[in-house]
Amino acid sequence: MTIQECYQALGGDWEEVLGRLYSEALVCKFAGKFLSDPSFQLLEDSVNEGSWEDAFRAAHTLKGVSQNLSFTRLYQSSHEITEALRTKDYDLAKLLLPKVQEDYAKTVGAIREFQGE
């Protein structure tokens, strides 16, 4: 799998990220670093525990990282949950979490496949 195919699989925008980072090597580097970013796990744990301020911070970070790496699908779902948390609509945030989980799993799965894991 190429990095371009990885982006297609994860619902990302290859041209956009390449325009932002300027080199395929940097895209590969930062996509790989995404796997160790703790934001998703913190979001999941915080929503499950009702720690709403932590959940908001984690969702906002996940949204920003996803936007910077042009992980379009994950950006969209993390944006939606961020806005629900921003407006303190915690019931909606709980309903949105499964979509974020699904998009995160697809993103991580594509990156791992690209890395040959």
PDB file of N, CA and C in Angstrom:
ATOM      1  N   MET A   1       0.851  -1.179   0.000  1.00  0.00           N
ATOM      2  CA  MET A   1       0.000   0.000   0.000  1.00  0.00           C
ATOM      3  C   MET A   1       0.896   1.240   0.000  1.00  0.00           C
ATOM      4  N   THR A   2       0.580   2.179  -0.852  1.00  0.00           N
ATOM      5  CA  THR A   2       1.306   3.452  -0.866  1.00  0.00           C
ATOM      6  C   THR A   2       0.662   4.411   0.130  1.00  0.00           C
ATOM      7  N   ILE A   3       1.329   5.493   0.407  1.00  0.00           N
ATOM      8  CA  ILE A   3       0.752   6.495   1.310  1.00  0.00           C
ATOM      9  C   ILE A   3      -0.497   7.121   0.686  1.00  0.00           C
ATOM     10  N   GLN A   4      -0.510   7.275  -0.630  1.00  0.00           N
ATOM     11  CA  GLN A   4      -1.705   7.797  -1.295  1.00  0.00           C
ATOM     12  C   GLN A   4      -2.875   6.831  -1.133  1.00  0.00           C
ATOM     13  N   GLU A   5      -2.622   5.541  -1.267  1.00  0.00           N
ATOM     14  CA  GLU A   5      -3.673   4.535  -1.068  1.00  0.00           C
ATOM     15  C   GLU A   5      -4.130   4.516   0.383  1.00  0.00           C
ATOM     16  N   CYS A   6      -3.208   4.743   1.284  1.00  0.00           N
ATOM     17  CA  CYS A   6      -3.535   4.833   2.709  1.00  0.00           C
ATOM     18  C   CYS A   6      -4.526   5.973   2.933  1.00  0.00           C
ATOM     19  N   TYR A   7      -4.239   7.116   2.352  1.00  0.00           N
ATOM     20  CA  TYR A   7      -5.131   8.272   2.500  1.00  0.00           C
ATOM     21  C   TYR A   7      -6.507   7.993   1.891  1.00  0.00           C
ATOM     22  N   GLN A   8      -6.531   7.297   0.795  1.00  0.00           N
ATOM     23  CA  GLN A   8      -7.814   6.946   0.194  1.00  0.00           C
ATOM     24  C   GLN A   8      -8.586   6.030   1.137  1.00  0.00           C
ATOM     25  N   ALA A   9      -7.908   5.057   1.730  1.00  0.00           N
ATOM     26  CA  ALA A   9      -8.562   4.098   2.628  1.00  0.00           C
ATOM     27  C   ALA A   9      -9.085   4.758   3.901  1.00  0.00           C
ATOM     28  N   LEU A  10      -8.377   5.758   4.395  1.00  0.00           N
ATOM     29  CA  LEU A  10      -8.809   6.373   5.648  1.00  0.00           C
ATOM     30  C   LEU A  10      -9.741   7.560   5.439  1.00  0.00           C
ATOM     31  N   GLY A  11     -10.057   7.851   4.190  1.00  0.00           N
ATOM     32  CA  GLY A  11     -10.968   8.953   3.911  1.00  0.00           C
ATOM     33  C   GLY A  11     -10.301  10.299   4.081  1.00  0.00           C
ATOM     34  N   GLY A  12      -9.043  10.386   3.650  1.00  0.00           N
ATOM     35  CA  GLY A  12      -8.290  11.625   3.775  1.00  0.00           C
ATOM     36  C   GLY A  12      -8.111  12.322   2.441  1.00  0.00           C
ATOM     37  N   ASP A  13      -7.470  13.461   2.498  1.00  0.00           N
ATOM     38  CA  ASP A  13      -7.231  14.264   1.306  1.00  0.00           C
ATOM     39  C   ASP A  13      -5.730  14.348   1.065  1.00  0.00           C
ATOM     40  N   TRP A  14      -5.225  13.481   0.194  1.00  0.00           N
ATOM     41  CA  TRP A  14      -3.797  13.389  -0.074  1.00  0.00           C
ATOM     42  C   TRP A  14      -3.238  14.700  -0.619  1.00  0.00           C
ATOM     43  N   GLU A  15      -3.895  15.293  -1.577  1.00  0.00           N
ATOM     44  CA  GLU A  15      -3.388  16.526  -2.192  1.00  0.00           C
ATOM     45  C   GLU A  15      -3.292  17.651  -1.163  1.00  0.00           C
ATOM     46  N   GLU A  16      -4.273  17.732  -0.301  1.00  0.00           N
ATOM     47  CA  GLU A  16      -4.277  18.775   0.716  1.00  0.00           C
ATOM     48  C   GLU A  16      -3.109  18.609   1.693  1.00  0.00           C
ATOM     49  N   VAL A  17      -2.910  17.388   2.197  1.00  0.00           N
ATOM     50  CA  VAL A  17      -1.823  17.179   3.159  1.00  0.00           C
ATOM     51  C   VAL A  17      -0.462  17.366   2.492  1.00  0.00           C
ATOM     52  N   LEU A  18      -0.330  16.944   1.261  1.00  0.00           N
ATOM     53  CA  LEU A  18       0.928  17.132   0.555  1.00  0.00           C
ATOM     54  C   LEU A  18       1.203  18.625   0.350  1.00  0.00           C
ATOM     55  N   GLY A  19       0.163  19.389   0.078  1.00  0.00           N
ATOM     56  CA  GLY A  19       0.310  20.834  -0.049  1.00  0.00           C
ATOM     57  C   GLY A  19       0.696  21.495   1.269  1.00  0.00           C
ATOM     58  N   ARG A  20       0.272  20.914   2.367  1.00  0.00           N
ATOM     59  CA  ARG A  20       0.569  21.470   3.689  1.00  0.00           C
ATOM     60  C   ARG A  20       1.971  21.073   4.161  1.00  0.00           C
ATOM     61  N   LEU A  21       2.350  19.816   3.962  1.00  0.00           N
ATOM     62  CA  LEU A  21       3.623  19.321   4.494  1.00  0.00           C
ATOM     63  C   LEU A  21       4.744  19.283   3.450  1.00  0.00           C
ATOM     64  N   TYR A  22       4.404  19.424   2.191  1.00  0.00           N
ATOM     65  CA  TYR A  22       5.363  19.580   1.088  1.00  0.00           C
ATOM     66  C   TYR A  22       6.170  18.348   0.706  1.00  0.00           C
ATOM     67  N   SER A  23       6.153  17.282   1.500  1.00  0.00           N
ATOM     68  CA  SER A  23       6.918  16.102   1.085  1.00  0.00           C
ATOM     69  C   SER A  23       6.234  14.830   1.575  1.00  0.00           C
ATOM     70  N   GLU A  24       6.338  13.822   0.741  1.00  0.00           N
ATOM     71  CA  GLU A  24       5.770  12.525   1.082  1.00  0.00           C
ATOM     72  C   GLU A  24       6.409  11.966   2.356  1.00  0.00           C
ATOM     73  N   ALA A  25       7.695  12.194   2.527  1.00  0.00           N
ATOM     74  CA  ALA A  25       8.399  11.692   3.714  1.00  0.00           C
ATOM     75  C   ALA A  25       7.823  12.300   4.995  1.00  0.00           C
ATOM     76  N   LEU A  26       7.512  13.594   4.967  1.00  0.00           N
ATOM     77  CA  LEU A  26       6.925  14.222   6.156  1.00  0.00           C
ATOM     78  C   LEU A  26       5.511  13.703   6.420  1.00  0.00           C
ATOM     79  N   VAL A  27       4.746  13.497   5.364  1.00  0.00           N
ATOM     80  CA  VAL A  27       3.401  12.939   5.537  1.00  0.00           C
ATOM     81  C   VAL A  27       3.503  11.565   6.203  1.00  0.00           C
ATOM     82  N   CYS A  28       4.403  10.739   5.718  1.00  0.00           N
ATOM     83  CA  CYS A  28       4.597   9.401   6.293  1.00  0.00           C
ATOM     84  C   CYS A  28       5.017   9.502   7.759  1.00  0.00           C
ATOM     85  N   LYS A  29       5.934  10.395   8.049  1.00  0.00           N
ATOM     86  CA  LYS A  29       6.424  10.569   9.413  1.00  0.00           C
ATOM     87  C   LYS A  29       5.297  10.957  10.362  1.00  0.00           C
ATOM     88  N   PHE A  30       4.535  11.984   9.996  1.00  0.00           N
ATOM     89  CA  PHE A  30       3.496  12.465  10.900  1.00  0.00           C
ATOM     90  C   PHE A  30       2.286  11.534  10.957  1.00  0.00           C
ATOM     91  N   ALA A  31       1.981  10.848   9.880  1.00  0.00           N
ATOM     92  CA  ALA A  31       0.908   9.849   9.929  1.00  0.00           C
ATOM     93  C   ALA A  31       1.297   8.736  10.902  1.00  0.00           C
ATOM     94  N   GLY A  32       2.558   8.331  10.864  1.00  0.00           N
ATOM     95  CA  GLY A  32       3.040   7.313  11.796  1.00  0.00           C
ATOM     96  C   GLY A  32       2.996   7.779  13.235  1.00  0.00           C
ATOM     97  N   LYS A  33       3.339   9.034  13.479  1.00  0.00           N
ATOM     98  CA  LYS A  33       3.306   9.588  14.846  1.00  0.00           C
ATOM     99  C   LYS A  33       1.874   9.665  15.382  1.00  0.00           C
ATOM    100  N   PHE A  34       0.917   9.772  14.478  1.00  0.00           N
ATOM    101  CA  PHE A  34      -0.484   9.834  14.894  1.00  0.00           C
ATOM    102  C   PHE A  34      -0.873   8.615  15.738  1.00  0.00           C
ATOM    103  N   LEU A  35      -0.269   7.475  15.427  1.00  0.00           N
ATOM    104  CA  LEU A  35      -0.611   6.240  16.142  1.00  0.00           C
ATOM    105  C   LEU A  35      -0.314   6.327  17.639  1.00  0.00           C
ATOM    106  N   SER A  36       0.611   7.168  18.033  1.00  0.00           N
ATOM    107  CA  SER A  36       0.944   7.284  19.457  1.00  0.00           C
ATOM    108  C   SER A  36       0.287   8.493  20.118  1.00  0.00           C
ATOM    109  N   ASP A  37      -0.524   9.233  19.385  1.00  0.00           N
ATOM    110  CA  ASP A  37      -1.218  10.380  19.969  1.00  0.00           C
ATOM    111  C   ASP A  37      -2.291   9.883  20.940  1.00  0.00           C
ATOM    112  N   PRO A  38      -2.305  10.378  22.177  1.00  0.00           N
ATOM    113  CA  PRO A  38      -3.233   9.869  23.185  1.00  0.00           C
ATOM    114  C   PRO A  38      -4.625  10.504  23.153  1.00  0.00           C
ATOM    115  N   SER A  39      -4.881  11.411  22.248  1.00  0.00           N
ATOM    116  CA  SER A  39      -6.140  12.170  22.273  1.00  0.00           C
ATOM    117  C   SER A  39      -7.380  11.303  22.155  1.00  0.00           C
ATOM    118  N   PHE A  40      -7.363  10.350  21.251  1.00  0.00           N
ATOM    119  CA  PHE A  40      -8.548   9.509  21.073  1.00  0.00           C
ATOM    120  C   PHE A  40      -8.851   8.719  22.335  1.00  0.00           C
ATOM    121  N   GLN A  41      -7.852   8.090  22.917  1.00  0.00           N
ATOM    122  CA  GLN A  41      -8.073   7.289  24.127  1.00  0.00           C
ATOM    123  C   GLN A  41      -8.581   8.165  25.268  1.00  0.00           C
ATOM    124  N   LEU A  42      -8.029   9.367  25.387  1.00  0.00           N
ATOM    125  CA  LEU A  42      -8.495  10.302  26.414  1.00  0.00           C
ATOM    126  C   LEU A  42      -9.940  10.703  26.159  1.00  0.00           C
ATOM    127  N   LEU A  43     -10.293  10.930  24.915  1.00  0.00           N
ATOM    128  CA  LEU A  43     -11.678  11.269  24.578  1.00  0.00           C
ATOM    129  C   LEU A  43     -12.616  10.142  24.982  1.00  0.00           C
ATOM    130  N   GLU A  44     -12.276   8.952  24.567  1.00  0.00           N
ATOM    131  CA  GLU A  44     -13.114   7.787  24.859  1.00  0.00           C
ATOM    132  C   GLU A  44     -13.268   7.593  26.366  1.00  0.00           C
ATOM    133  N   ASP A  45     -12.164   7.622  27.080  1.00  0.00           N
ATOM    134  CA  ASP A  45     -12.200   7.439  28.533  1.00  0.00           C
ATOM    135  C   ASP A  45     -12.985   8.559  29.215  1.00  0.00           C
ATOM    136  N   SER A  46     -12.764   9.784  28.783  1.00  0.00           N
ATOM    137  CA  SER A  46     -13.414  10.933  29.424  1.00  0.00           C
ATOM    138  C   SER A  46     -14.916  10.931  29.199  1.00  0.00           C
ATOM    139  N   VAL A  47     -15.364  10.589  28.001  1.00  0.00           N
ATOM    140  CA  VAL A  47     -16.810  10.503  27.753  1.00  0.00           C
ATOM    141  C   VAL A  47     -17.408   9.406  28.613  1.00  0.00           C
ATOM    142  N   ASN A  48     -16.757   8.262  28.671  1.00  0.00           N
ATOM    143  CA  ASN A  48     -17.275   7.145  29.469  1.00  0.00           C
ATOM    144  C   ASN A  48     -17.315   7.464  30.964  1.00  0.00           C
ATOM    145  N   GLU A  49     -16.397   8.315  31.421  1.00  0.00           N
ATOM    146  CA  GLU A  49     -16.343   8.690  32.836  1.00  0.00           C
ATOM    147  C   GLU A  49     -17.144   9.945  33.147  1.00  0.00           C
ATOM    148  N   GLY A  50     -17.621  10.642  32.111  1.00  0.00           N
ATOM    149  CA  GLY A  50     -18.331  11.895  32.326  1.00  0.00           C
ATOM    150  C   GLY A  50     -17.412  13.040  32.707  1.00  0.00           C
ATOM    151  N   SER A  51     -16.156  12.956  32.335  1.00  0.00           N
ATOM    152  CA  SER A  51     -15.183  14.032  32.572  1.00  0.00           C
ATOM    153  C   SER A  51     -15.220  14.966  31.367  1.00  0.00           C
ATOM    154  N   TRP A  52     -16.186  15.845  31.351  1.00  0.00           N
ATOM    155  CA  TRP A  52     -16.524  16.588  30.144  1.00  0.00           C
ATOM    156  C   TRP A  52     -15.475  17.597  29.718  1.00  0.00           C
ATOM    157  N   GLU A  53     -14.798  18.239  30.652  1.00  0.00           N
ATOM    158  CA  GLU A  53     -13.745  19.177  30.264  1.00  0.00           C
ATOM    159  C   GLU A  53     -12.584  18.443  29.596  1.00  0.00           C
ATOM    160  N   ASP A  54     -12.212  17.301  30.162  1.00  0.00           N
ATOM    161  CA  ASP A  54     -11.162  16.491  29.549  1.00  0.00           C
ATOM    162  C   ASP A  54     -11.602  15.968  28.182  1.00  0.00           C
ATOM    163  N   ALA A  55     -12.865  15.589  28.087  1.00  0.00           N
ATOM    164  CA  ALA A  55     -13.395  15.092  26.809  1.00  0.00           C
ATOM    165  C   ALA A  55     -13.336  16.187  25.748  1.00  0.00           C
ATOM    166  N   PHE A  56     -13.709  17.406  26.133  1.00  0.00           N
ATOM    167  CA  PHE A  56     -13.657  18.511  25.176  1.00  0.00           C
ATOM    168  C   PHE A  56     -12.234  18.761  24.701  1.00  0.00           C
ATOM    169  N   ARG A  57     -11.295  18.815  25.627  1.00  0.00           N
ATOM    170  CA  ARG A  57      -9.889  19.054  25.269  1.00  0.00           C
ATOM    171  C   ARG A  57      -9.374  17.970  24.330  1.00  0.00           C
ATOM    172  N   ALA A  58      -9.701  16.719  24.650  1.00  0.00           N
ATOM    173  CA  ALA A  58      -9.248  15.596  23.820  1.00  0.00           C
ATOM    174  C   ALA A  58      -9.883  15.644  22.433  1.00  0.00           C
ATOM    175  N   ALA A  59     -11.181  15.923  22.369  1.00  0.00           N
ATOM    176  CA  ALA A  59     -11.871  16.001  21.078  1.00  0.00           C
ATOM    177  C   ALA A  59     -11.306  17.142  20.239  1.00  0.00           C
ATOM    178  N   HIS A  60     -11.063  18.270  20.872  1.00  0.00           N
ATOM    179  CA  HIS A  60     -10.530  19.428  20.169  1.00  0.00           C
ATOM    180  C   HIS A  60      -9.128  19.135  19.628  1.00  0.00           C
ATOM    181  N   THR A  61      -8.315  18.450  20.410  1.00  0.00           N
ATOM    182  CA  THR A  61      -6.969  18.073  19.959  1.00  0.00           C
ATOM    183  C   THR A  61      -7.047  17.084  18.804  1.00  0.00           C
ATOM    184  N   LEU A  62      -7.902  16.079  18.938  1.00  0.00           N
ATOM    185  CA  LEU A  62      -8.070  15.088  17.874  1.00  0.00           C
ATOM    186  C   LEU A  62      -8.540  15.761  16.591  1.00  0.00           C
ATOM    187  N   LYS A  63      -9.451  16.687  16.717  1.00  0.00           N
ATOM    188  CA  LYS A  63      -9.944  17.430  15.562  1.00  0.00           C
ATOM    189  C   LYS A  63      -8.808  18.194  14.898  1.00  0.00           C
ATOM    190  N   GLY A  64      -7.996  18.882  15.679  1.00  0.00           N
ATOM    191  CA  GLY A  64      -6.898  19.666  15.132  1.00  0.00           C
ATOM    192  C   GLY A  64      -5.848  18.815  14.439  1.00  0.00           C
ATOM    193  N   VAL A  65      -5.477  17.727  15.066  1.00  0.00           N
ATOM    194  CA  VAL A  65      -4.486  16.828  14.466  1.00  0.00           C
ATOM    195  C   VAL A  65      -5.044  16.242  13.170  1.00  0.00           C
ATOM    196  N   SER A  66      -6.310  15.841  13.201  1.00  0.00           N
ATOM    197  CA  SER A  66      -6.943  15.268  12.008  1.00  0.00           C
ATOM    198  C   SER A  66      -7.016  16.287  10.880  1.00  0.00           C
ATOM    199  N   GLN A  67      -7.291  17.524  11.233  1.00  0.00           N
ATOM    200  CA  GLN A  67      -7.343  18.565  10.212  1.00  0.00           C
ATOM    201  C   GLN A  67      -5.952  18.819   9.629  1.00  0.00           C
ATOM    202  N   ASN A  68      -4.952  18.914  10.486  1.00  0.00           N
ATOM    203  CA  ASN A  68      -3.590  19.167  10.015  1.00  0.00           C
ATOM    204  C   ASN A  68      -3.070  18.058   9.114  1.00  0.00           C
ATOM    205  N   LEU A  69      -3.471  16.815   9.393  1.00  0.00           N
ATOM    206  CA  LEU A  69      -3.028  15.680   8.583  1.00  0.00           C
ATOM    207  C   LEU A  69      -3.999  15.347   7.451  1.00  0.00           C
ATOM    208  N   SER A  70      -5.043  16.158   7.309  1.00  0.00           N
ATOM    209  CA  SER A  70      -6.063  15.965   6.265  1.00  0.00           C
ATOM    210  C   SER A  70      -6.715  14.594   6.344  1.00  0.00           C
ATOM    211  N   PHE A  71      -6.958  14.127   7.566  1.00  0.00           N
ATOM    212  CA  PHE A  71      -7.747  12.918   7.793  1.00  0.00           C
ATOM    213  C   PHE A  71      -9.208  13.360   7.783  1.00  0.00           C
ATOM    214  N   THR A  72      -9.741  13.612   6.619  1.00  0.00           N
ATOM    215  CA  THR A  72     -11.024  14.295   6.447  1.00  0.00           C
ATOM    216  C   THR A  72     -12.167  13.619   7.196  1.00  0.00           C
ATOM    217  N   ARG A  73     -12.286  12.318   7.047  1.00  0.00           N
ATOM    218  CA  ARG A  73     -13.390  11.602   7.691  1.00  0.00           C
ATOM    219  C   ARG A  73     -13.311  11.736   9.211  1.00  0.00           C
ATOM    220  N   LEU A  74     -12.142  11.505   9.773  1.00  0.00           N
ATOM    221  CA  LEU A  74     -11.972  11.616  11.225  1.00  0.00           C
ATOM    222  C   LEU A  74     -12.113  13.058  11.679  1.00  0.00           C
ATOM    223  N   TYR A  75     -11.645  13.983  10.876  1.00  0.00           N
ATOM    224  CA  TYR A  75     -11.816  15.402  11.211  1.00  0.00           C
ATOM    225  C   TYR A  75     -13.299  15.738  11.340  1.00  0.00           C
ATOM    226  N   GLN A  76     -14.108  15.287  10.403  1.00  0.00           N
ATOM    227  CA  GLN A  76     -15.531  15.635  10.424  1.00  0.00           C
ATOM    228  C   GLN A  76     -16.218  15.106  11.678  1.00  0.00           C
ATOM    229  N   SER A  77     -15.982  13.851  12.022  1.00  0.00           N
ATOM    230  CA  SER A  77     -16.656  13.295  13.204  1.00  0.00           C
ATOM    231  C   SER A  77     -16.100  13.889  14.494  1.00  0.00           C
ATOM    232  N   SER A  78     -14.806  14.167  14.536  1.00  0.00           N
ATOM    233  CA  SER A  78     -14.240  14.767  15.751  1.00  0.00           C
ATOM    234  C   SER A  78     -14.679  16.226  15.880  1.00  0.00           C
ATOM    235  N   HIS A  79     -14.906  16.893  14.771  1.00  0.00           N
ATOM    236  CA  HIS A  79     -15.449  18.252  14.807  1.00  0.00           C
ATOM    237  C   HIS A  79     -16.863  18.241  15.409  1.00  0.00           C
ATOM    238  N   GLU A  80     -17.678  17.299  14.962  1.00  0.00           N
ATOM    239  CA  GLU A  80     -19.055  17.219  15.459  1.00  0.00           C
ATOM    240  C   GLU A  80     -19.097  16.975  16.964  1.00  0.00           C
ATOM    241  N   ILE A  81     -18.280  16.058  17.463  1.00  0.00           N
ATOM    242  CA  ILE A  81     -18.300  15.783  18.899  1.00  0.00           C
ATOM    243  C   ILE A  81     -17.695  16.957  19.679  1.00  0.00           C
ATOM    244  N   THR A  82     -16.703  17.622  19.096  1.00  0.00           N
ATOM    245  CA  THR A  82     -16.132  18.803  19.745  1.00  0.00           C
ATOM    246  C   THR A  82     -17.204  19.864  19.941  1.00  0.00           C
ATOM    247  N   GLU A  83     -18.000  20.100  18.913  1.00  0.00           N
ATOM    248  CA  GLU A  83     -19.044  21.124  19.017  1.00  0.00           C
ATOM    249  C   GLU A  83     -20.130  20.721  20.022  1.00  0.00           C
ATOM    250  N   ALA A  84     -20.470  19.445  20.065  1.00  0.00           N
ATOM    251  CA  ALA A  84     -21.444  18.985  21.066  1.00  0.00           C
ATOM    252  C   ALA A  84     -20.905  19.226  22.470  1.00  0.00           C
ATOM    253  N   LEU A  85     -19.641  18.931  22.669  1.00  0.00           N
ATOM    254  CA  LEU A  85     -19.028  19.142  23.987  1.00  0.00           C
ATOM    255  C   LEU A  85     -18.875  20.627  24.297  1.00  0.00           C
ATOM    256  N   ARG A  86     -18.574  21.423  23.304  1.00  0.00           N
ATOM    257  CA  ARG A  86     -18.433  22.871  23.488  1.00  0.00           C
ATOM    258  C   ARG A  86     -19.744  23.468  24.013  1.00  0.00           C
ATOM    259  N   THR A  87     -20.876  22.980  23.471  1.00  0.00           N
ATOM    260  CA  THR A  87     -22.189  23.499  23.874  1.00  0.00           C
ATOM    261  C   THR A  87     -22.781  22.722  25.050  1.00  0.00           C
ATOM    262  N   LYS A  88     -21.977  21.837  25.617  1.00  0.00           N
ATOM    263  CA  LYS A  88     -22.364  21.031  26.783  1.00  0.00           C
ATOM    264  C   LYS A  88     -23.573  20.126  26.510  1.00  0.00           C
ATOM    265  N   ASP A  89     -23.695  19.677  25.258  1.00  0.00           N
ATOM    266  CA  ASP A  89     -24.742  18.724  24.891  1.00  0.00           C
ATOM    267  C   ASP A  89     -24.135  17.323  25.039  1.00  0.00           C
ATOM    268  N   TYR A  90     -24.070  16.873  26.281  1.00  0.00           N
ATOM    269  CA  TYR A  90     -23.367  15.632  26.592  1.00  0.00           C
ATOM    270  C   TYR A  90     -24.101  14.398  26.075  1.00  0.00           C
ATOM    271  N   ASP A  91     -25.423  14.466  26.013  1.00  0.00           N
ATOM    272  CA  ASP A  91     -26.160  13.337  25.437  1.00  0.00           C
ATOM    273  C   ASP A  91     -25.814  13.170  23.958  1.00  0.00           C
ATOM    274  N   LEU A  92     -25.725  14.285  23.252  1.00  0.00           N
ATOM    275  CA  LEU A  92     -25.344  14.217  21.840  1.00  0.00           C
ATOM    276  C   LEU A  92     -23.910  13.712  21.704  1.00  0.00           C
ATOM    277  N   ALA A  93     -23.026  14.171  22.569  1.00  0.00           N
ATOM    278  CA  ALA A  93     -21.630  13.712  22.518  1.00  0.00           C
ATOM    279  C   ALA A  93     -21.565  12.197  22.673  1.00  0.00           C
ATOM    280  N   LYS A  94     -22.344  11.657  23.579  1.00  0.00           N
ATOM    281  CA  LYS A  94     -22.362  10.198  23.763  1.00  0.00           C
ATOM    282  C   LYS A  94     -22.857   9.498  22.500  1.00  0.00           C
ATOM    283  N   LEU A  95     -23.830  10.100  21.833  1.00  0.00           N
ATOM    284  CA  LEU A  95     -24.358   9.517  20.600  1.00  0.00           C
ATOM    285  C   LEU A  95     -23.356   9.611  19.449  1.00  0.00           C
ATOM    286  N   LEU A  96     -22.522  10.640  19.468  1.00  0.00           N
ATOM    287  CA  LEU A  96     -21.541  10.840  18.399  1.00  0.00           C
ATOM    288  C   LEU A  96     -20.270  10.017  18.581  1.00  0.00           C
ATOM    289  N   LEU A  97     -20.012   9.582  19.804  1.00  0.00           N
ATOM    290  CA  LEU A  97     -18.773   8.850  20.069  1.00  0.00           C
ATOM    291  C   LEU A  97     -18.597   7.609  19.188  1.00  0.00           C
ATOM    292  N   PRO A  98     -19.615   6.786  18.956  1.00  0.00           N
ATOM    293  CA  PRO A  98     -19.403   5.608  18.100  1.00  0.00           C
ATOM    294  C   PRO A  98     -18.911   5.949  16.683  1.00  0.00           C
ATOM    295  N   LYS A  99     -19.347   7.052  16.122  1.00  0.00           N
ATOM    296  CA  LYS A  99     -18.884   7.451  14.788  1.00  0.00           C
ATOM    297  C   LYS A  99     -17.404   7.840  14.848  1.00  0.00           C
ATOM    298  N   VAL A 100     -17.010   8.550  15.901  1.00  0.00           N
ATOM    299  CA  VAL A 100     -15.600   8.903  16.065  1.00  0.00           C
ATOM    300  C   VAL A 100     -14.778   7.620  16.221  1.00  0.00           C
ATOM    301  N   GLN A 101     -15.283   6.684  17.011  1.00  0.00           N
ATOM    302  CA  GLN A 101     -14.584   5.407  17.210  1.00  0.00           C
ATOM    303  C   GLN A 101     -14.409   4.674  15.880  1.00  0.00           C
ATOM    304  N   GLU A 102     -15.445   4.640  15.086  1.00  0.00           N
ATOM    305  CA  GLU A 102     -15.389   3.974  13.781  1.00  0.00           C
ATOM    306  C   GLU A 102     -14.373   4.652  12.861  1.00  0.00           C
ATOM    307  N   ASP A 103     -14.432   5.971  12.792  1.00  0.00           N
ATOM    308  CA  ASP A 103     -13.519   6.709  11.925  1.00  0.00           C
ATOM    309  C   ASP A 103     -12.074   6.592  12.404  1.00  0.00           C
ATOM    310  N   TYR A 104     -11.884   6.589  13.709  1.00  0.00           N
ATOM    311  CA  TYR A 104     -10.544   6.431  14.266  1.00  0.00           C
ATOM    312  C   TYR A 104      -9.999   5.040  13.919  1.00  0.00           C
ATOM    313  N   ALA A 105     -10.824   4.025  14.077  1.00  0.00           N
ATOM    314  CA  ALA A 105     -10.390   2.654  13.773  1.00  0.00           C
ATOM    315  C   ALA A 105      -9.995   2.520  12.301  1.00  0.00           C
ATOM    316  N   LYS A 106     -10.761   3.132  11.401  1.00  0.00           N
ATOM    317  CA  LYS A 106     -10.426   3.085   9.976  1.00  0.00           C
ATOM    318  C   LYS A 106      -9.116   3.807   9.703  1.00  0.00           C
ATOM    319  N   THR A 107      -8.931   4.932  10.357  1.00  0.00           N
ATOM    320  CA  THR A 107      -7.709   5.717  10.166  1.00  0.00           C
ATOM    321  C   THR A 107      -6.490   4.938  10.645  1.00  0.00           C
ATOM    322  N   VAL A 108      -6.559   4.437  11.856  1.00  0.00           N
ATOM    323  CA  VAL A 108      -5.445   3.675  12.432  1.00  0.00           C
ATOM    324  C   VAL A 108      -5.192   2.405  11.625  1.00  0.00           C
ATOM    325  N   GLY A 109      -6.255   1.736  11.217  1.00  0.00           N
ATOM    326  CA  GLY A 109      -6.108   0.517  10.425  1.00  0.00           C
ATOM    327  C   GLY A 109      -5.392   0.766   9.108  1.00  0.00           C
ATOM    328  N   ALA A 110      -5.743   1.870   8.438  1.00  0.00           N
ATOM    329  CA  ALA A 110      -5.102   2.194   7.165  1.00  0.00           C
ATOM    330  C   ALA A 110      -3.631   2.537   7.375  1.00  0.00           C
ATOM    331  N   ILE A 111      -3.332   3.290   8.422  1.00  0.00           N
ATOM    332  CA  ILE A 111      -1.938   3.654   8.682  1.00  0.00           C
ATOM    333  C   ILE A 111      -1.121   2.415   9.001  1.00  0.00           C
ATOM    334  N   ARG A 112      -1.674   1.542   9.814  1.00  0.00           N
ATOM    335  CA  ARG A 112      -0.943   0.308  10.163  1.00  0.00           C
ATOM    336  C   ARG A 112      -0.734  -0.568   8.931  1.00  0.00           C
ATOM    337  N   GLU A 113      -1.734  -0.635   8.072  1.00  0.00           N
ATOM    338  CA  GLU A 113      -1.577  -1.422   6.842  1.00  0.00           C
ATOM    339  C   GLU A 113      -0.478  -0.812   5.977  1.00  0.00           C
ATOM    340  N   PHE A 114      -0.472   0.512   5.878  1.00  0.00           N
ATOM    341  CA  PHE A 114       0.575   1.193   5.123  1.00  0.00           C
ATOM    342  C   PHE A 114       1.962   0.866   5.689  1.00  0.00           C
ATOM    343  N   GLN A 115       2.058   0.820   7.000  1.00  0.00           N
ATOM    344  CA  GLN A 115       3.336   0.535   7.653  1.00  0.00           C
ATOM    345  C   GLN A 115       3.697  -0.946   7.618  1.00  0.00           C
ATOM    346  N   GLY A 116       2.779  -1.772   7.124  1.00  0.00           N
ATOM    347  CA  GLY A 116       3.056  -3.182   6.995  1.00  0.00           C
ATOM    348  C   GLY A 116       2.821  -3.978   8.261  1.00  0.00           C
ATOM    349  N   GLU A 117       2.025  -3.430   9.161  1.00  0.00           N
ATOM    350  CA  GLU A 117       1.731  -4.142  10.420  1.00  0.00           C
ATOM    351  C   GLU A 117       0.600  -5.128  10.231  1.00  0.00           C
TER     352      GLU A 117
END
